[in-house]
């Protein structure tokens, strides 16, 4: 397989590292949640690329000569999207509560206030 045949995996790796960097390096909690969403989108891309079969069709009719695509990755992606949205909504709710309690959503400000 040539390097262009692995294009989707390169995109996956780059998007994954961008999301990982945002989660690790940023101190603002909203930016961390955005990084987590980018990280999740990279995982979605990986599952979608693994489920693609060249010349594959939807598995509707039973025929031994036809190549079918596996519907399981699409089902897993739909479930992962719902879990991702729920996780993001819960995270934003927690960020709102942290803002009400501490007056900031910067990690360093919150840690400094906790030390006092």
PDB file of N, CA and C in Angstrom:
ATOM      1  N   UNK A   1       0.843  -1.181   0.000  1.00  0.00           N
ATOM      2  CA  UNK A   1       0.000   0.000   0.000  1.00  0.00           C
ATOM      3  C   UNK A   1       0.886   1.240   0.000  1.00  0.00           C
ATOM      4  N   UNK A   2       0.609   2.170  -0.864  1.00  0.00           N
ATOM      5  CA  UNK A   2       1.422   3.377  -0.935  1.00  0.00           C
ATOM      6  C   UNK A   2       0.986   4.388   0.128  1.00  0.00           C
ATOM      7  N   UNK A   3       1.739   5.465   0.226  1.00  0.00           N
ATOM      8  CA  UNK A   3       1.488   6.463   1.270  1.00  0.00           C
ATOM      9  C   UNK A   3       0.150   7.166   1.064  1.00  0.00           C
ATOM     10  N   UNK A   4      -0.289   7.346  -0.184  1.00  0.00           N
ATOM     11  CA  UNK A   4      -1.577   7.992  -0.433  1.00  0.00           C
ATOM     12  C   UNK A   4      -2.740   7.068  -0.080  1.00  0.00           C
ATOM     13  N   UNK A   5      -2.502   5.763  -0.101  1.00  0.00           N
ATOM     14  CA  UNK A   5      -3.538   4.832   0.302  1.00  0.00           C
ATOM     15  C   UNK A   5      -3.835   4.900   1.792  1.00  0.00           C
ATOM     16  N   UNK A   6      -2.898   5.473   2.538  1.00  0.00           N
ATOM     17  CA  UNK A   6      -3.066   5.622   3.982  1.00  0.00           C
ATOM     18  C   UNK A   6      -3.444   7.048   4.373  1.00  0.00           C
ATOM     19  N   UNK A   7      -3.972   7.814   3.427  1.00  0.00           N
ATOM     20  CA  UNK A   7      -4.292   9.219   3.655  1.00  0.00           C
ATOM     21  C   UNK A   7      -5.233   9.408   4.836  1.00  0.00           C
ATOM     22  N   UNK A   8      -6.280   8.610   4.927  1.00  0.00           N
ATOM     23  CA  UNK A   8      -7.269   8.769   5.993  1.00  0.00           C
ATOM     24  C   UNK A   8      -6.656   8.499   7.360  1.00  0.00           C
ATOM     25  N   UNK A   9      -5.719   7.580   7.415  1.00  0.00           N
ATOM     26  CA  UNK A   9      -5.067   7.295   8.688  1.00  0.00           C
ATOM     27  C   UNK A   9      -4.138   8.432   9.105  1.00  0.00           C
ATOM     28  N   UNK A  10      -3.515   9.088   8.134  1.00  0.00           N
ATOM     29  CA  UNK A  10      -2.705  10.261   8.448  1.00  0.00           C
ATOM     30  C   UNK A  10      -3.580  11.391   8.969  1.00  0.00           C
ATOM     31  N   UNK A  11      -4.726  11.597   8.324  1.00  0.00           N
ATOM     32  CA  UNK A  11      -5.661  12.626   8.794  1.00  0.00           C
ATOM     33  C   UNK A  11      -6.132  12.290  10.202  1.00  0.00           C
ATOM     34  N   UNK A  12      -6.457  11.020  10.441  1.00  0.00           N
ATOM     35  CA  UNK A  12      -6.865  10.580  11.774  1.00  0.00           C
ATOM     36  C   UNK A  12      -5.794  10.906  12.805  1.00  0.00           C
ATOM     37  N   UNK A  13      -4.546  10.574  12.509  1.00  0.00           N
ATOM     38  CA  UNK A  13      -3.461  10.797  13.463  1.00  0.00           C
ATOM     39  C   UNK A  13      -3.252  12.280  13.743  1.00  0.00           C
ATOM     40  N   UNK A  14      -3.343  13.105  12.717  1.00  0.00           N
ATOM     41  CA  UNK A  14      -3.147  14.550  12.900  1.00  0.00           C
ATOM     42  C   UNK A  14      -4.276  15.145  13.726  1.00  0.00           C
ATOM     43  N   UNK A  15      -5.516  14.806  13.396  1.00  0.00           N
ATOM     44  CA  UNK A  15      -6.657  15.336  14.148  1.00  0.00           C
ATOM     45  C   UNK A  15      -6.625  14.829  15.591  1.00  0.00           C
ATOM     46  N   UNK A  16      -6.241  13.579  15.784  1.00  0.00           N
ATOM     47  CA  UNK A  16      -6.134  13.015  17.127  1.00  0.00           C
ATOM     48  C   UNK A  16      -5.101  13.775  17.957  1.00  0.00           C
ATOM     49  N   UNK A  17      -3.963  14.078  17.367  1.00  0.00           N
ATOM     50  CA  UNK A  17      -2.920  14.796  18.096  1.00  0.00           C
ATOM     51  C   UNK A  17      -3.317  16.248  18.384  1.00  0.00           C
ATOM     52  N   UNK A  18      -4.063  16.865  17.480  1.00  0.00           N
ATOM     53  CA  UNK A  18      -4.552  18.228  17.745  1.00  0.00           C
ATOM     54  C   UNK A  18      -5.491  18.217  18.946  1.00  0.00           C
ATOM     55  N   UNK A  19      -6.415  17.272  18.975  1.00  0.00           N
ATOM     56  CA  UNK A  19      -7.334  17.168  20.110  1.00  0.00           C
ATOM     57  C   UNK A  19      -6.605  16.842  21.400  1.00  0.00           C
ATOM     58  N   UNK A  20      -5.638  15.920  21.326  1.00  0.00           N
ATOM     59  CA  UNK A  20      -4.866  15.543  22.511  1.00  0.00           C
ATOM     60  C   UNK A  20      -4.073  16.727  23.040  1.00  0.00           C
ATOM     61  N   UNK A  21      -3.477  17.496  22.143  1.00  0.00           N
ATOM     62  CA  UNK A  21      -2.732  18.687  22.548  1.00  0.00           C
ATOM     63  C   UNK A  21      -3.642  19.680  23.262  1.00  0.00           C
ATOM     64  N   UNK A  22      -4.837  19.884  22.734  1.00  0.00           N
ATOM     65  CA  UNK A  22      -5.766  20.839  23.351  1.00  0.00           C
ATOM     66  C   UNK A  22      -6.178  20.379  24.749  1.00  0.00           C
ATOM     67  N   UNK A  23      -6.389  19.087  24.922  1.00  0.00           N
ATOM     68  CA  UNK A  23      -6.791  18.575  26.236  1.00  0.00           C
ATOM     69  C   UNK A  23      -5.648  18.720  27.236  1.00  0.00           C
ATOM     70  N   UNK A  24      -4.432  18.454  26.816  1.00  0.00           N
ATOM     71  CA  UNK A  24      -3.291  18.473  27.729  1.00  0.00           C
ATOM     72  C   UNK A  24      -2.754  19.887  27.973  1.00  0.00           C
ATOM     73  N   UNK A  25      -2.614  20.689  26.948  1.00  0.00           N
ATOM     74  CA  UNK A  25      -1.878  21.943  27.052  1.00  0.00           C
ATOM     75  C   UNK A  25      -2.724  23.150  27.459  1.00  0.00           C
ATOM     76  N   UNK A  26      -3.990  23.160  27.170  1.00  0.00           N
ATOM     77  CA  UNK A  26      -4.814  24.333  27.464  1.00  0.00           C
ATOM     78  C   UNK A  26      -5.247  24.329  28.923  1.00  0.00           C
ATOM     79  N   UNK A  27      -5.348  25.524  29.501  1.00  0.00           N
ATOM     80  CA  UNK A  27      -5.764  25.616  30.896  1.00  0.00           C
ATOM     81  C   UNK A  27      -7.220  26.050  31.043  1.00  0.00           C
ATOM     82  N   UNK A  28      -7.826  26.504  29.972  1.00  0.00           N
ATOM     83  CA  UNK A  28      -9.238  26.894  29.992  1.00  0.00           C
ATOM     84  C   UNK A  28     -10.094  25.636  29.812  1.00  0.00           C
ATOM     85  N   UNK A  29     -11.069  25.452  30.681  1.00  0.00           N
ATOM     86  CA  UNK A  29     -11.863  24.225  30.649  1.00  0.00           C
ATOM     87  C   UNK A  29     -12.732  24.103  29.395  1.00  0.00           C
ATOM     88  N   UNK A  30     -13.204  25.210  28.851  1.00  0.00           N
ATOM     89  CA  UNK A  30     -13.997  25.141  27.617  1.00  0.00           C
ATOM     90  C   UNK A  30     -13.102  24.706  26.459  1.00  0.00           C
ATOM     91  N   UNK A  31     -11.885  25.189  26.419  1.00  0.00           N
ATOM     92  CA  UNK A  31     -10.942  24.766  25.374  1.00  0.00           C
ATOM     93  C   UNK A  31     -10.595  23.292  25.523  1.00  0.00           C
ATOM     94  N   UNK A  32     -10.510  22.815  26.754  1.00  0.00           N
ATOM     95  CA  UNK A  32     -10.268  21.389  26.977  1.00  0.00           C
ATOM     96  C   UNK A  32     -11.440  20.557  26.448  1.00  0.00           C
ATOM     97  N   UNK A  33     -12.660  21.022  26.652  1.00  0.00           N
ATOM     98  CA  UNK A  33     -13.827  20.303  26.130  1.00  0.00           C
ATOM     99  C   UNK A  33     -13.854  20.317  24.605  1.00  0.00           C
ATOM    100  N   UNK A  34     -13.461  21.416  24.001  1.00  0.00           N
ATOM    101  CA  UNK A  34     -13.378  21.471  22.543  1.00  0.00           C
ATOM    102  C   UNK A  34     -12.314  20.490  22.050  1.00  0.00           C
ATOM    103  N   UNK A  35     -11.187  20.429  22.734  1.00  0.00           N
ATOM    104  CA  UNK A  35     -10.146  19.457  22.388  1.00  0.00           C
ATOM    105  C   UNK A  35     -10.638  18.030  22.522  1.00  0.00           C
ATOM    106  N   UNK A  36     -11.432  17.754  23.550  1.00  0.00           N
ATOM    107  CA  UNK A  36     -12.007  16.427  23.724  1.00  0.00           C
ATOM    108  C   UNK A  36     -12.956  16.087  22.578  1.00  0.00           C
ATOM    109  N   UNK A  37     -13.716  17.061  22.126  1.00  0.00           N
ATOM    110  CA  UNK A  37     -14.616  16.840  20.984  1.00  0.00           C
ATOM    111  C   UNK A  37     -13.831  16.578  19.704  1.00  0.00           C
ATOM    112  N   UNK A  38     -12.736  17.282  19.507  1.00  0.00           N
ATOM    113  CA  UNK A  38     -11.881  17.037  18.339  1.00  0.00           C
ATOM    114  C   UNK A  38     -11.277  15.640  18.417  1.00  0.00           C
ATOM    115  N   UNK A  39     -10.854  15.246  19.597  1.00  0.00           N
ATOM    116  CA  UNK A  39     -10.310  13.910  19.822  1.00  0.00           C
ATOM    117  C   UNK A  39     -11.349  12.839  19.474  1.00  0.00           C
ATOM    118  N   UNK A  40     -12.580  13.051  19.908  1.00  0.00           N
ATOM    119  CA  UNK A  40     -13.657  12.110  19.596  1.00  0.00           C
ATOM    120  C   UNK A  40     -13.939  12.060  18.098  1.00  0.00           C
ATOM    121  N   UNK A  41     -13.890  13.203  17.431  1.00  0.00           N
ATOM    122  CA  UNK A  41     -14.117  13.228  15.988  1.00  0.00           C
ATOM    123  C   UNK A  41     -13.051  12.427  15.256  1.00  0.00           C
ATOM    124  N   UNK A  42     -11.829  12.448  15.752  1.00  0.00           N
ATOM    125  CA  UNK A  42     -10.764  11.647  15.139  1.00  0.00           C
ATOM    126  C   UNK A  42     -11.062  10.159  15.285  1.00  0.00           C
ATOM    127  N   UNK A  43     -11.563   9.755  16.421  1.00  0.00           N
ATOM    128  CA  UNK A  43     -11.921   8.346  16.621  1.00  0.00           C
ATOM    129  C   UNK A  43     -13.065   7.961  15.696  1.00  0.00           C
ATOM    130  N   UNK A  44     -14.027   8.854  15.511  1.00  0.00           N
ATOM    131  CA  UNK A  44     -15.117   8.591  14.562  1.00  0.00           C
ATOM    132  C   UNK A  44     -14.564   8.373  13.165  1.00  0.00           C
ATOM    133  N   UNK A  45     -13.625   9.215  12.765  1.00  0.00           N
ATOM    134  CA  UNK A  45     -13.009   9.084  11.451  1.00  0.00           C
ATOM    135  C   UNK A  45     -12.311   7.738  11.297  1.00  0.00           C
ATOM    136  N   UNK A  46     -11.636   7.289  12.344  1.00  0.00           N
ATOM    137  CA  UNK A  46     -10.965   6.000  12.289  1.00  0.00           C
ATOM    138  C   UNK A  46     -11.968   4.874  12.075  1.00  0.00           C
ATOM    139  N   UNK A  47     -13.047   4.869  12.819  1.00  0.00           N
ATOM    140  CA  UNK A  47     -14.054   3.812  12.660  1.00  0.00           C
ATOM    141  C   UNK A  47     -14.701   3.840  11.283  1.00  0.00           C
ATOM    142  N   UNK A  48     -14.967   5.037  10.773  1.00  0.00           N
ATOM    143  CA  UNK A  48     -15.598   5.145   9.463  1.00  0.00           C
ATOM    144  C   UNK A  48     -14.666   4.625   8.369  1.00  0.00           C
ATOM    145  N   UNK A  49     -13.368   4.953   8.464  1.00  0.00           N
ATOM    146  CA  UNK A  49     -12.440   4.479   7.441  1.00  0.00           C
ATOM    147  C   UNK A  49     -12.237   2.975   7.512  1.00  0.00           C
ATOM    148  N   UNK A  50     -12.335   2.393   8.690  1.00  0.00           N
ATOM    149  CA  UNK A  50     -12.186   0.942   8.798  1.00  0.00           C
ATOM    150  C   UNK A  50     -13.400   0.209   8.240  1.00  0.00           C
ATOM    151  N   UNK A  51     -14.556   0.846   8.246  1.00  0.00           N
ATOM    152  CA  UNK A  51     -15.771   0.189   7.776  1.00  0.00           C
ATOM    153  C   UNK A  51     -15.987   0.279   6.278  1.00  0.00           C
ATOM    154  N   UNK A  52     -15.177   1.060   5.580  1.00  0.00           N
ATOM    155  CA  UNK A  52     -15.359   1.220   4.132  1.00  0.00           C
ATOM    156  C   UNK A  52     -14.729   0.057   3.380  1.00  0.00           C
ATOM    157  N   UNK A  53     -15.509  -0.544   2.500  1.00  0.00           N
ATOM    158  CA  UNK A  53     -15.038  -1.627   1.642  1.00  0.00           C
ATOM    159  C   UNK A  53     -15.234  -1.192   0.196  1.00  0.00           C
ATOM    160  N   UNK A  54     -14.199  -1.305  -0.621  1.00  0.00           N
ATOM    161  CA  UNK A  54     -14.313  -0.925  -2.025  1.00  0.00           C
ATOM    162  C   UNK A  54     -15.336  -1.817  -2.727  1.00  0.00           C
ATOM    163  N   UNK A  55     -16.222  -1.195  -3.495  1.00  0.00           N
ATOM    164  CA  UNK A  55     -17.288  -1.866  -4.236  1.00  0.00           C
ATOM    165  C   UNK A  55     -18.259  -2.617  -3.332  1.00  0.00           C
ATOM    166  N   UNK A  56     -18.319  -2.244  -2.063  1.00  0.00           N
ATOM    167  CA  UNK A  56     -19.250  -2.878  -1.137  1.00  0.00           C
ATOM    168  C   UNK A  56     -20.618  -2.206  -1.196  1.00  0.00           C
ATOM    169  N   UNK A  57     -21.653  -2.985  -0.997  1.00  0.00           N
ATOM    170  CA  UNK A  57     -23.014  -2.456  -0.993  1.00  0.00           C
ATOM    171  C   UNK A  57     -23.638  -2.691   0.372  1.00  0.00           C
ATOM    172  N   UNK A  58     -24.804  -2.128   0.562  1.00  0.00           N
ATOM    173  CA  UNK A  58     -25.519  -2.310   1.818  1.00  0.00           C
ATOM    174  C   UNK A  58     -25.984  -3.760   1.937  1.00  0.00           C
ATOM    175  N   UNK A  59     -25.889  -4.343   3.115  1.00  0.00           N
ATOM    176  CA  UNK A  59     -26.266  -5.755   3.281  1.00  0.00           C
ATOM    177  C   UNK A  59     -27.774  -5.930   3.390  1.00  0.00           C
ATOM    178  N   UNK A  60     -28.464  -5.768   2.270  1.00  0.00           N
ATOM    179  CA  UNK A  60     -29.922  -5.875   2.266  1.00  0.00           C
ATOM    180  C   UNK A  60     -30.371  -7.220   1.721  1.00  0.00           C
ATOM    181  N   UNK A  61     -29.837  -7.636   0.599  1.00  0.00           N
ATOM    182  CA  UNK A  61     -30.227  -8.900  -0.020  1.00  0.00           C
ATOM    183  C   UNK A  61     -29.149  -9.943   0.209  1.00  0.00           C
ATOM    184  N   UNK A  62     -29.555 -11.184   0.333  1.00  0.00           N
ATOM    185  CA  UNK A  62     -28.600 -12.278   0.531  1.00  0.00           C
ATOM    186  C   UNK A  62     -28.190 -12.832  -0.831  1.00  0.00           C
ATOM    187  N   UNK A  63     -26.980 -12.543  -1.220  1.00  0.00           N
ATOM    188  CA  UNK A  63     -26.434 -13.038  -2.469  1.00  0.00           C
ATOM    189  C   UNK A  63     -24.956 -13.360  -2.224  1.00  0.00           C
ATOM    190  N   UNK A  64     -24.539 -14.539  -2.565  1.00  0.00           N
ATOM    191  CA  UNK A  64     -23.180 -14.985  -2.268  1.00  0.00           C
ATOM    192  C   UNK A  64     -22.132 -14.270  -3.115  1.00  0.00           C
ATOM    193  N   UNK A  65     -22.492 -13.747  -4.280  1.00  0.00           N
ATOM    194  CA  UNK A  65     -21.516 -13.145  -5.178  1.00  0.00           C
ATOM    195  C   UNK A  65     -21.266 -11.667  -4.876  1.00  0.00           C
ATOM    196  N   UNK A  66     -22.097 -11.038  -4.077  1.00  0.00           N
ATOM    197  CA  UNK A  66     -21.987  -9.617  -3.806  1.00  0.00           C
ATOM    198  C   UNK A  66     -21.135  -9.368  -2.569  1.00  0.00           C
ATOM    199  N   UNK A  67     -20.320  -8.309  -2.639  1.00  0.00           N
ATOM    200  CA  UNK A  67     -19.506  -7.900  -1.498  1.00  0.00           C
ATOM    201  C   UNK A  67     -20.306  -6.885  -0.697  1.00  0.00           C
ATOM    202  N   UNK A  68     -20.463  -7.145   0.590  1.00  0.00           N
ATOM    203  CA  UNK A  68     -21.243  -6.263   1.457  1.00  0.00           C
ATOM    204  C   UNK A  68     -20.335  -5.492   2.399  1.00  0.00           C
ATOM    205  N   UNK A  69     -20.745  -4.272   2.692  1.00  0.00           N
ATOM    206  CA  UNK A  69     -20.069  -3.481   3.712  1.00  0.00           C
ATOM    207  C   UNK A  69     -20.604  -3.883   5.074  1.00  0.00           C
ATOM    208  N   UNK A  70     -19.742  -3.818   6.052  1.00  0.00           N
ATOM    209  CA  UNK A  70     -20.131  -4.161   7.411  1.00  0.00           C
ATOM    210  C   UNK A  70     -20.872  -2.978   8.041  1.00  0.00           C
ATOM    211  N   UNK A  71     -22.113  -3.158   8.508  1.00  0.00           N
ATOM    212  CA  UNK A  71     -22.848  -2.035   9.105  1.00  0.00           C
ATOM    213  C   UNK A  71     -22.455  -1.748  10.552  1.00  0.00           C
ATOM    214  N   UNK A  72     -21.670  -2.602  11.176  1.00  0.00           N
ATOM    215  CA  UNK A  72     -21.324  -2.424  12.577  1.00  0.00           C
ATOM    216  C   UNK A  72     -20.570  -1.126  12.866  1.00  0.00           C
ATOM    217  N   UNK A  73     -19.586  -0.701  12.051  1.00  0.00           N
ATOM    218  CA  UNK A  73     -18.923   0.583  12.354  1.00  0.00           C
ATOM    219  C   UNK A  73     -19.885   1.771  12.348  1.00  0.00           C
ATOM    220  N   UNK A  74     -20.859   1.778  11.453  1.00  0.00           N
ATOM    221  CA  UNK A  74     -21.816   2.881  11.430  1.00  0.00           C
ATOM    222  C   UNK A  74     -22.675   2.896  12.697  1.00  0.00           C
ATOM    223  N   UNK A  75     -23.055   1.711  13.158  1.00  0.00           N
ATOM    224  CA  UNK A  75     -23.841   1.627  14.384  1.00  0.00           C
ATOM    225  C   UNK A  75     -23.014   2.103  15.572  1.00  0.00           C
ATOM    226  N   UNK A  76     -21.751   1.702  15.614  1.00  0.00           N
ATOM    227  CA  UNK A  76     -20.889   2.142  16.702  1.00  0.00           C
ATOM    228  C   UNK A  76     -20.668   3.652  16.673  1.00  0.00           C
ATOM    229  N   UNK A  77     -20.571   4.216  15.481  1.00  0.00           N
ATOM    230  CA  UNK A  77     -20.382   5.663  15.367  1.00  0.00           C
ATOM    231  C   UNK A  77     -21.618   6.399  15.858  1.00  0.00           C
ATOM    232  N   UNK A  78     -22.804   5.923  15.504  1.00  0.00           N
ATOM    233  CA  UNK A  78     -24.025   6.577  15.988  1.00  0.00           C
ATOM    234  C   UNK A  78     -24.087   6.552  17.509  1.00  0.00           C
ATOM    235  N   UNK A  79     -23.736   5.435  18.094  1.00  0.00           N
ATOM    236  CA  UNK A  79     -23.716   5.344  19.550  1.00  0.00           C
ATOM    237  C   UNK A  79     -22.646   6.270  20.132  1.00  0.00           C
ATOM    238  N   UNK A  80     -21.483   6.305  19.522  1.00  0.00           N
ATOM    239  CA  UNK A  80     -20.402   7.153  20.013  1.00  0.00           C
ATOM    240  C   UNK A  80     -20.752   8.633  19.891  1.00  0.00           C
ATOM    241  N   UNK A  81     -21.475   9.014  18.851  1.00  0.00           N
ATOM    242  CA  UNK A  81     -21.896  10.407  18.702  1.00  0.00           C
ATOM    243  C   UNK A  81     -22.827  10.805  19.837  1.00  0.00           C
ATOM    244  N   UNK A  82     -23.762   9.941  20.168  1.00  0.00           N
ATOM    245  CA  UNK A  82     -24.695  10.229  21.267  1.00  0.00           C
ATOM    246  C   UNK A  82     -23.937  10.336  22.587  1.00  0.00           C
ATOM    247  N   UNK A  83     -23.015   9.422  22.827  1.00  0.00           N
ATOM    248  CA  UNK A  83     -22.215   9.476  24.056  1.00  0.00           C
ATOM    249  C   UNK A  83     -21.344  10.730  24.069  1.00  0.00           C
ATOM    250  N   UNK A  84     -20.770  11.091  22.920  1.00  0.00           N
ATOM    251  CA  UNK A  84     -19.945  12.295  22.840  1.00  0.00           C
ATOM    252  C   UNK A  84     -20.724  13.564  23.123  1.00  0.00           C
ATOM    253  N   UNK A  85     -21.929  13.656  22.591  1.00  0.00           N
ATOM    254  CA  UNK A  85     -22.764  14.831  22.844  1.00  0.00           C
ATOM    255  C   UNK A  85     -23.151  14.896  24.317  1.00  0.00           C
ATOM    256  N   UNK A  86     -23.469  13.753  24.884  1.00  0.00           N
ATOM    257  CA  UNK A  86     -23.820  13.716  26.308  1.00  0.00           C
ATOM    258  C   UNK A  86     -22.634  14.105  27.182  1.00  0.00           C
ATOM    259  N   UNK A  87     -21.466  13.615  26.844  1.00  0.00           N
ATOM    260  CA  UNK A  87     -20.265  13.954  27.604  1.00  0.00           C
ATOM    261  C   UNK A  87     -19.957  15.440  27.501  1.00  0.00           C
ATOM    262  N   UNK A  88     -20.091  15.999  26.331  1.00  0.00           N
ATOM    263  CA  UNK A  88     -19.844  17.432  26.140  1.00  0.00           C
ATOM    264  C   UNK A  88     -20.861  18.270  26.908  1.00  0.00           C
ATOM    265  N   UNK A  89     -22.127  17.871  26.867  1.00  0.00           N
ATOM    266  CA  UNK A  89     -23.165  18.604  27.595  1.00  0.00           C
ATOM    267  C   UNK A  89     -22.920  18.546  29.101  1.00  0.00           C
ATOM    268  N   UNK A  90     -22.558  17.373  29.606  1.00  0.00           N
ATOM    269  CA  UNK A  90     -22.254  17.246  31.030  1.00  0.00           C
ATOM    270  C   UNK A  90     -21.028  18.076  31.395  1.00  0.00           C
ATOM    271  N   UNK A  91     -20.004  18.045  30.560  1.00  0.00           N
ATOM    272  CA  UNK A  91     -18.807  18.845  30.809  1.00  0.00           C
ATOM    273  C   UNK A  91     -19.104  20.328  30.832  1.00  0.00           C
ATOM    274  N   UNK A  92     -19.938  20.795  29.896  1.00  0.00           N
ATOM    275  CA  UNK A  92     -20.298  22.216  29.885  1.00  0.00           C
ATOM    276  C   UNK A  92     -21.106  22.587  31.122  1.00  0.00           C
ATOM    277  N   UNK A  93     -21.973  21.676  31.558  1.00  0.00           N
ATOM    278  CA  UNK A  93     -22.716  21.920  32.795  1.00  0.00           C
ATOM    279  C   UNK A  93     -21.790  22.028  33.997  1.00  0.00           C
ATOM    280  N   UNK A  94     -20.794  21.186  34.055  1.00  0.00           N
ATOM    281  CA  UNK A  94     -19.822  21.244  35.152  1.00  0.00           C
ATOM    282  C   UNK A  94     -18.994  22.523  35.072  1.00  0.00           C
ATOM    283  N   UNK A  95     -18.648  22.947  33.863  1.00  0.00           N
ATOM    284  CA  UNK A  95     -17.893  24.193  33.694  1.00  0.00           C
ATOM    285  C   UNK A  95     -18.723  25.387  34.166  1.00  0.00           C
ATOM    286  N   UNK A  96     -19.995  25.382  33.866  1.00  0.00           N
ATOM    287  CA  UNK A  96     -20.869  26.467  34.337  1.00  0.00           C
ATOM    288  C   UNK A  96     -20.897  26.485  35.867  1.00  0.00           C
ATOM    289  N   UNK A  97     -21.011  25.319  36.462  1.00  0.00           N
ATOM    290  CA  UNK A  97     -21.032  25.241  37.939  1.00  0.00           C
ATOM    291  C   UNK A  97     -19.694  25.673  38.536  1.00  0.00           C
ATOM    292  N   UNK A  98     -18.581  25.319  37.900  1.00  0.00           N
ATOM    293  CA  UNK A  98     -17.261  25.758  38.369  1.00  0.00           C
ATOM    294  C   UNK A  98     -17.144  27.274  38.271  1.00  0.00           C
ATOM    295  N   UNK A  99     -17.661  27.840  37.199  1.00  0.00           N
ATOM    296  CA  UNK A  99     -17.635  29.303  37.016  1.00  0.00           C
ATOM    297  C   UNK A  99     -18.445  29.998  38.105  1.00  0.00           C
ATOM    298  N   UNK A 100     -19.588  29.423  38.459  1.00  0.00           N
ATOM    299  CA  UNK A 100     -20.399  30.005  39.529  1.00  0.00           C
ATOM    300  C   UNK A 100     -19.677  29.942  40.868  1.00  0.00           C
ATOM    301  N   UNK A 101     -18.989  28.854  41.133  1.00  0.00           N
ATOM    302  CA  UNK A 101     -18.335  28.648  42.428  1.00  0.00           C
ATOM    303  C   UNK A 101     -17.021  29.410  42.554  1.00  0.00           C
ATOM    304  N   UNK A 102     -16.187  29.363  41.521  1.00  0.00           N
ATOM    305  CA  UNK A 102     -14.845  29.935  41.607  1.00  0.00           C
ATOM    306  C   UNK A 102     -14.704  31.285  40.902  1.00  0.00           C
ATOM    307  N   UNK A 103     -15.623  31.624  40.027  1.00  0.00           N
ATOM    308  CA  UNK A 103     -15.534  32.894  39.312  1.00  0.00           C
ATOM    309  C   UNK A 103     -14.594  32.859  38.126  1.00  0.00           C
ATOM    310  N   UNK A 104     -14.082  31.683  37.774  1.00  0.00           N
ATOM    311  CA  UNK A 104     -13.151  31.544  36.656  1.00  0.00           C
ATOM    312  C   UNK A 104     -13.228  30.116  36.128  1.00  0.00           C
ATOM    313  N   UNK A 105     -12.822  29.957  34.877  1.00  0.00           N
ATOM    314  CA  UNK A 105     -12.739  28.609  34.311  1.00  0.00           C
ATOM    315  C   UNK A 105     -11.306  28.280  33.890  1.00  0.00           C
ATOM    316  N   UNK A 106     -10.362  29.076  34.387  1.00  0.00           N
ATOM    317  CA  UNK A 106      -8.944  28.807  34.152  1.00  0.00           C
ATOM    318  C   UNK A 106      -8.429  27.876  35.248  1.00  0.00           C
ATOM    319  N   UNK A 107      -7.740  26.839  34.824  1.00  0.00           N
ATOM    320  CA  UNK A 107      -7.266  25.826  35.766  1.00  0.00           C
ATOM    321  C   UNK A 107      -6.322  26.402  36.818  1.00  0.00           C
ATOM    322  N   UNK A 108      -5.439  27.312  36.420  1.00  0.00           N
ATOM    323  CA  UNK A 108      -4.474  27.881  37.365  1.00  0.00           C
ATOM    324  C   UNK A 108      -5.167  28.742  38.429  1.00  0.00           C
ATOM    325  N   UNK A 109      -6.190  29.496  38.041  1.00  0.00           N
ATOM    326  CA  UNK A 109      -6.939  30.309  39.004  1.00  0.00           C
ATOM    327  C   UNK A 109      -7.657  29.439  40.035  1.00  0.00           C
ATOM    328  N   UNK A 110      -8.223  28.352  39.579  1.00  0.00           N
ATOM    329  CA  UNK A 110      -8.956  27.458  40.468  1.00  0.00           C
ATOM    330  C   UNK A 110      -8.005  26.758  41.431  1.00  0.00           C
ATOM    331  N   UNK A 111      -6.849  26.309  40.930  1.00  0.00           N
ATOM    332  CA  UNK A 111      -5.876  25.651  41.803  1.00  0.00           C
ATOM    333  C   UNK A 111      -5.311  26.633  42.830  1.00  0.00           C
ATOM    334  N   UNK A 112      -5.090  27.876  42.405  1.00  0.00           N
ATOM    335  CA  UNK A 112      -4.595  28.888  43.339  1.00  0.00           C
ATOM    336  C   UNK A 112      -5.618  29.161  44.429  1.00  0.00           C
ATOM    337  N   UNK A 113      -6.869  29.238  44.084  1.00  0.00           N
ATOM    338  CA  UNK A 113      -7.914  29.490  45.082  1.00  0.00           C
ATOM    339  C   UNK A 113      -8.075  28.304  46.023  1.00  0.00           C
ATOM    340  N   UNK A 114      -7.888  27.087  45.522  1.00  0.00           N
ATOM    341  CA  UNK A 114      -7.992  25.913  46.375  1.00  0.00           C
ATOM    342  C   UNK A 114      -6.838  25.834  47.391  1.00  0.00           C
ATOM    343  N   UNK A 115      -5.703  26.364  47.046  1.00  0.00           N
ATOM    344  CA  UNK A 115      -4.547  26.343  47.961  1.00  0.00           C
ATOM    345  C   UNK A 115      -4.729  27.299  49.129  1.00  0.00           C
ATOM    346  N   UNK A 116      -5.549  28.308  48.958  1.00  0.00           N
ATOM    347  CA  UNK A 116      -5.734  29.323  50.023  1.00  0.00           C
ATOM    348  C   UNK A 116      -6.604  28.820  51.135  1.00  0.00           C
TER     349      UNK A 116
END
